[in-house]
């Protein structure tokens, strides 16, 4: 059986359920901390630059709340993982919809078409201060999405599948 102990303490700087689930299913213990930042106050034209800037801003906000000196003194390093994701549709970065009508319009637009998600992950070693991050882009091609499916997605609150995280 594989040893699931880690030589690092892990802080997940995200409130995202899928990100928590990944670490938990891998058997890692981790602490959750979310960044309290104004994401709309950070703007970049390129989605790749935006997701990296948001991941960095989240990491910086969390770092300011941590007793970093205590982490540096510990023998066991601590990793802070922050991330972000946006949807790009017809060359435009989409924010979360303002209401159900806009959500319906967004998803209906994807029906039979395509969009992309651009995501970033940034890992900061609190012991050394070293920080490394990357972004990735995934193109998504949709079949026709029936109206009843769209309504069910909106009703179930599955909007994070289609919009920024």
C-alpha atoms as a PDB file:
ATOM      1  CA  UNK A   1       0.000   0.000   0.000  1.00  0.00           C
ATOM      2  CA  UNK A   2       1.232   3.475  -0.912  1.00  0.00           C
ATOM      3  CA  UNK A   3       2.352   5.738   1.947  1.00  0.00           C
ATOM      4  CA  UNK A   4       0.094   8.811   1.990  1.00  0.00           C
ATOM      5  CA  UNK A   5       2.136  10.771   4.526  1.00  0.00           C
ATOM      6  CA  UNK A   6       3.689  13.924   3.197  1.00  0.00           C
ATOM      7  CA  UNK A   7       6.934  15.630   3.970  1.00  0.00           C
ATOM      8  CA  UNK A   8       5.019  18.906   3.617  1.00  0.00           C
ATOM      9  CA  UNK A   9       2.154  20.487   5.466  1.00  0.00           C
ATOM     10  CA  UNK A  10      -0.392  21.702   2.924  1.00  0.00           C
ATOM     11  CA  UNK A  11      -2.583  24.798   2.983  1.00  0.00           C
ATOM     12  CA  UNK A  12      -5.209  24.845   0.231  1.00  0.00           C
ATOM     13  CA  UNK A  13      -5.951  28.481  -0.510  1.00  0.00           C
ATOM     14  CA  UNK A  14      -9.323  27.787  -2.076  1.00  0.00           C
ATOM     15  CA  UNK A  15     -12.933  27.211  -1.150  1.00  0.00           C
ATOM     16  CA  UNK A  16     -13.437  25.107  -4.288  1.00  0.00           C
ATOM     17  CA  UNK A  17     -15.071  21.765  -3.529  1.00  0.00           C
ATOM     18  CA  UNK A  18     -13.387  19.974  -6.483  1.00  0.00           C
ATOM     19  CA  UNK A  19      -9.940  21.124  -5.344  1.00  0.00           C
ATOM     20  CA  UNK A  20     -10.615  19.941  -1.783  1.00  0.00           C
ATOM     21  CA  UNK A  21     -11.893  16.641  -3.112  1.00  0.00           C
ATOM     22  CA  UNK A  22      -8.732  16.010  -5.159  1.00  0.00           C
ATOM     23  CA  UNK A  23      -6.421  16.395  -2.155  1.00  0.00           C
ATOM     24  CA  UNK A  24      -8.717  14.433   0.138  1.00  0.00           C
ATOM     25  CA  UNK A  25      -9.075  11.546  -2.319  1.00  0.00           C
ATOM     26  CA  UNK A  26      -5.301  11.452  -2.658  1.00  0.00           C
ATOM     27  CA  UNK A  27      -5.149  10.925   1.092  1.00  0.00           C
ATOM     28  CA  UNK A  28      -3.498  14.224   1.999  1.00  0.00           C
ATOM     29  CA  UNK A  29      -4.330  16.140   5.136  1.00  0.00           C
ATOM     30  CA  UNK A  30      -4.548  19.863   4.567  1.00  0.00           C
ATOM     31  CA  UNK A  31      -5.765  23.115   6.046  1.00  0.00           C
ATOM     32  CA  UNK A  32      -8.281  25.280   4.178  1.00  0.00           C
ATOM     33  CA  UNK A  33      -7.879  29.033   3.913  1.00  0.00           C
ATOM     34  CA  UNK A  34      -9.699  31.215   1.440  1.00  0.00           C
ATOM     35  CA  UNK A  35      -8.433  34.565   0.284  1.00  0.00           C
ATOM     36  CA  UNK A  36     -10.670  37.544   0.816  1.00  0.00           C
ATOM     37  CA  UNK A  37      -9.813  39.534  -2.303  1.00  0.00           C
ATOM     38  CA  UNK A  38     -11.766  41.663  -4.749  1.00  0.00           C
ATOM     39  CA  UNK A  39     -11.329  39.526  -7.857  1.00  0.00           C
ATOM     40  CA  UNK A  40     -13.124  42.074 -10.050  1.00  0.00           C
ATOM     41  CA  UNK A  41     -10.505  44.637  -9.003  1.00  0.00           C
ATOM     42  CA  UNK A  42      -7.835  42.579 -10.775  1.00  0.00           C
ATOM     43  CA  UNK A  43      -8.117  42.849 -14.543  1.00  0.00           C
ATOM     44  CA  UNK A  44      -5.910  41.570 -17.337  1.00  0.00           C
ATOM     45  CA  UNK A  45      -6.721  41.377 -21.039  1.00  0.00           C
ATOM     46  CA  UNK A  46      -5.335  37.874 -21.516  1.00  0.00           C
ATOM     47  CA  UNK A  47      -7.088  35.124 -19.547  1.00  0.00           C
ATOM     48  CA  UNK A  48      -3.761  33.372 -18.929  1.00  0.00           C
ATOM     49  CA  UNK A  49      -2.384  36.507 -17.252  1.00  0.00           C
ATOM     50  CA  UNK A  50      -5.622  37.018 -15.311  1.00  0.00           C
ATOM     51  CA  UNK A  51      -5.709  33.542 -13.744  1.00  0.00           C
ATOM     52  CA  UNK A  52      -2.051  33.824 -12.733  1.00  0.00           C
ATOM     53  CA  UNK A  53      -2.588  37.300 -11.259  1.00  0.00           C
ATOM     54  CA  UNK A  54      -5.615  36.062  -9.307  1.00  0.00           C
ATOM     55  CA  UNK A  55      -3.768  33.003  -7.973  1.00  0.00           C
ATOM     56  CA  UNK A  56      -0.884  35.255  -6.875  1.00  0.00           C
ATOM     57  CA  UNK A  57      -3.236  37.767  -5.238  1.00  0.00           C
ATOM     58  CA  UNK A  58      -4.953  34.934  -3.362  1.00  0.00           C
ATOM     59  CA  UNK A  59      -1.594  33.572  -2.163  1.00  0.00           C
ATOM     60  CA  UNK A  60      -0.438  37.043  -1.078  1.00  0.00           C
ATOM     61  CA  UNK A  61      -3.674  37.674   0.829  1.00  0.00           C
ATOM     62  CA  UNK A  62      -3.354  34.362   2.677  1.00  0.00           C
ATOM     63  CA  UNK A  63       0.337  34.923   3.397  1.00  0.00           C
ATOM     64  CA  UNK A  64      -0.486  38.227   5.088  1.00  0.00           C
ATOM     65  CA  UNK A  65      -2.771  36.344   7.511  1.00  0.00           C
ATOM     66  CA  UNK A  66      -0.209  33.663   8.398  1.00  0.00           C
ATOM     67  CA  UNK A  67       2.474  33.774  11.057  1.00  0.00           C
ATOM     68  CA  UNK A  68       5.054  33.065   8.342  1.00  0.00           C
ATOM     69  CA  UNK A  69       7.931  33.329  10.806  1.00  0.00           C
ATOM     70  CA  UNK A  70       6.624  30.256  12.622  1.00  0.00           C
ATOM     71  CA  UNK A  71       6.506  28.268   9.358  1.00  0.00           C
ATOM     72  CA  UNK A  72      10.081  29.210   8.445  1.00  0.00           C
ATOM     73  CA  UNK A  73      11.342  27.997  11.837  1.00  0.00           C
ATOM     74  CA  UNK A  74       9.629  24.609  11.515  1.00  0.00           C
ATOM     75  CA  UNK A  75      11.620  21.632  10.259  1.00  0.00           C
ATOM     76  CA  UNK A  76       8.669  20.545   8.114  1.00  0.00           C
ATOM     77  CA  UNK A  77       8.028  22.777   5.079  1.00  0.00           C
ATOM     78  CA  UNK A  78       4.544  24.055   4.311  1.00  0.00           C
ATOM     79  CA  UNK A  79       3.098  24.414   0.824  1.00  0.00           C
ATOM     80  CA  UNK A  80       0.395  26.966   0.042  1.00  0.00           C
ATOM     81  CA  UNK A  81      -1.617  26.054  -3.058  1.00  0.00           C
ATOM     82  CA  UNK A  82      -3.734  28.753  -4.702  1.00  0.00           C
ATOM     83  CA  UNK A  83      -5.495  28.716  -8.049  1.00  0.00           C
ATOM     84  CA  UNK A  84      -8.071  30.291 -10.301  1.00  0.00           C
ATOM     85  CA  UNK A  85     -10.078  29.470 -13.405  1.00  0.00           C
ATOM     86  CA  UNK A  86     -12.042  31.486 -15.946  1.00  0.00           C
ATOM     87  CA  UNK A  87     -14.232  30.667 -18.918  1.00  0.00           C
ATOM     88  CA  UNK A  88     -13.500  32.247 -22.287  1.00  0.00           C
ATOM     89  CA  UNK A  89     -16.339  32.424 -24.799  1.00  0.00           C
ATOM     90  CA  UNK A  90     -15.917  34.011 -28.230  1.00  0.00           C
ATOM     91  CA  UNK A  91     -12.694  35.648 -27.036  1.00  0.00           C
ATOM     92  CA  UNK A  92     -14.300  37.247 -23.954  1.00  0.00           C
ATOM     93  CA  UNK A  93     -13.596  36.326 -20.345  1.00  0.00           C
ATOM     94  CA  UNK A  94     -16.899  35.501 -18.667  1.00  0.00           C
ATOM     95  CA  UNK A  95     -17.656  36.412 -15.099  1.00  0.00           C
ATOM     96  CA  UNK A  96     -20.213  34.557 -13.012  1.00  0.00           C
ATOM     97  CA  UNK A  97     -23.693  35.438 -14.260  1.00  0.00           C
ATOM     98  CA  UNK A  98     -25.502  38.184 -12.388  1.00  0.00           C
ATOM     99  CA  UNK A  99     -28.813  36.288 -12.297  1.00  0.00           C
ATOM    100  CA  UNK A 100     -30.606  33.179 -13.547  1.00  0.00           C
ATOM    101  CA  UNK A 101     -31.629  34.862 -16.814  1.00  0.00           C
ATOM    102  CA  UNK A 102     -28.021  35.666 -17.648  1.00  0.00           C
ATOM    103  CA  UNK A 103     -26.967  32.145 -16.613  1.00  0.00           C
ATOM    104  CA  UNK A 104     -29.542  30.699 -19.012  1.00  0.00           C
ATOM    105  CA  UNK A 105     -28.304  32.992 -21.798  1.00  0.00           C
ATOM    106  CA  UNK A 106     -24.657  32.002 -21.207  1.00  0.00           C
ATOM    107  CA  UNK A 107     -25.300  28.256 -21.208  1.00  0.00           C
ATOM    108  CA  UNK A 108     -27.655  28.499 -24.185  1.00  0.00           C
ATOM    109  CA  UNK A 109     -24.817  30.231 -26.059  1.00  0.00           C
ATOM    110  CA  UNK A 110     -22.533  27.262 -25.401  1.00  0.00           C
ATOM    111  CA  UNK A 111     -25.110  24.841 -26.845  1.00  0.00           C
ATOM    112  CA  UNK A 112     -23.691  23.355 -30.030  1.00  0.00           C
ATOM    113  CA  UNK A 113     -20.656  25.602 -29.744  1.00  0.00           C
ATOM    114  CA  UNK A 114     -17.461  25.778 -27.791  1.00  0.00           C
ATOM    115  CA  UNK A 115     -15.747  27.651 -24.987  1.00  0.00           C
ATOM    116  CA  UNK A 116     -12.478  27.318 -23.128  1.00  0.00           C
ATOM    117  CA  UNK A 117     -11.431  27.199 -19.517  1.00  0.00           C
ATOM    118  CA  UNK A 118      -8.138  28.720 -18.488  1.00  0.00           C
ATOM    119  CA  UNK A 119      -6.901  27.630 -15.087  1.00  0.00           C
ATOM    120  CA  UNK A 120      -3.855  28.294 -12.969  1.00  0.00           C
ATOM    121  CA  UNK A 121      -2.162  26.668 -10.002  1.00  0.00           C
ATOM    122  CA  UNK A 122       0.433  28.443  -7.868  1.00  0.00           C
ATOM    123  CA  UNK A 123       2.455  26.654  -5.182  1.00  0.00           C
ATOM    124  CA  UNK A 124       4.370  28.656  -2.582  1.00  0.00           C
ATOM    125  CA  UNK A 125       6.868  26.978  -0.251  1.00  0.00           C
ATOM    126  CA  UNK A 126       6.501  28.931   2.993  1.00  0.00           C
ATOM    127  CA  UNK A 127       9.817  27.644   4.333  1.00  0.00           C
ATOM    128  CA  UNK A 128      11.931  28.797   1.377  1.00  0.00           C
ATOM    129  CA  UNK A 129       9.693  31.468  -0.160  1.00  0.00           C
ATOM    130  CA  UNK A 130      10.017  29.769  -3.556  1.00  0.00           C
ATOM    131  CA  UNK A 131       6.910  30.145  -5.700  1.00  0.00           C
ATOM    132  CA  UNK A 132       6.058  28.339  -8.934  1.00  0.00           C
ATOM    133  CA  UNK A 133       2.919  28.466 -11.016  1.00  0.00           C
ATOM    134  CA  UNK A 134       1.536  27.624 -14.411  1.00  0.00           C
ATOM    135  CA  UNK A 135      -1.665  27.965 -16.395  1.00  0.00           C
ATOM    136  CA  UNK A 136      -3.462  25.579 -18.718  1.00  0.00           C
ATOM    137  CA  UNK A 137      -6.145  26.064 -21.355  1.00  0.00           C
ATOM    138  CA  UNK A 138      -8.786  23.470 -22.227  1.00  0.00           C
ATOM    139  CA  UNK A 139     -11.098  23.796 -25.224  1.00  0.00           C
ATOM    140  CA  UNK A 140     -14.606  22.457 -24.630  1.00  0.00           C
ATOM    141  CA  UNK A 141     -16.954  21.550 -27.465  1.00  0.00           C
ATOM    142  CA  UNK A 142     -20.610  21.212 -26.510  1.00  0.00           C
ATOM    143  CA  UNK A 143     -23.380  19.166 -28.080  1.00  0.00           C
ATOM    144  CA  UNK A 144     -26.772  20.830 -28.177  1.00  0.00           C
ATOM    145  CA  UNK A 145     -27.902  21.484 -24.596  1.00  0.00           C
ATOM    146  CA  UNK A 146     -31.685  21.048 -24.185  1.00  0.00           C
ATOM    147  CA  UNK A 147     -33.525  23.791 -22.294  1.00  0.00           C
ATOM    148  CA  UNK A 148     -34.606  21.339 -19.578  1.00  0.00           C
ATOM    149  CA  UNK A 149     -30.947  20.465 -18.914  1.00  0.00           C
ATOM    150  CA  UNK A 150     -30.042  24.150 -18.742  1.00  0.00           C
ATOM    151  CA  UNK A 151     -32.851  24.789 -16.258  1.00  0.00           C
ATOM    152  CA  UNK A 152     -31.774  21.828 -14.125  1.00  0.00           C
ATOM    153  CA  UNK A 153     -28.151  23.033 -14.070  1.00  0.00           C
ATOM    154  CA  UNK A 154     -29.251  26.481 -12.942  1.00  0.00           C
ATOM    155  CA  UNK A 155     -31.666  25.039 -10.363  1.00  0.00           C
ATOM    156  CA  UNK A 156     -28.972  22.751  -8.918  1.00  0.00           C
ATOM    157  CA  UNK A 157     -26.468  25.592  -8.694  1.00  0.00           C
ATOM    158  CA  UNK A 158     -23.980  23.946 -11.033  1.00  0.00           C
ATOM    159  CA  UNK A 159     -22.893  27.308 -12.404  1.00  0.00           C
ATOM    160  CA  UNK A 160     -19.259  26.853 -11.369  1.00  0.00           C
ATOM    161  CA  UNK A 161     -18.999  24.276 -14.139  1.00  0.00           C
ATOM    162  CA  UNK A 162     -19.476  27.064 -16.658  1.00  0.00           C
ATOM    163  CA  UNK A 163     -18.067  30.177 -15.062  1.00  0.00           C
ATOM    164  CA  UNK A 164     -15.141  31.491 -13.028  1.00  0.00           C
ATOM    165  CA  UNK A 165     -13.978  29.661  -9.948  1.00  0.00           C
END
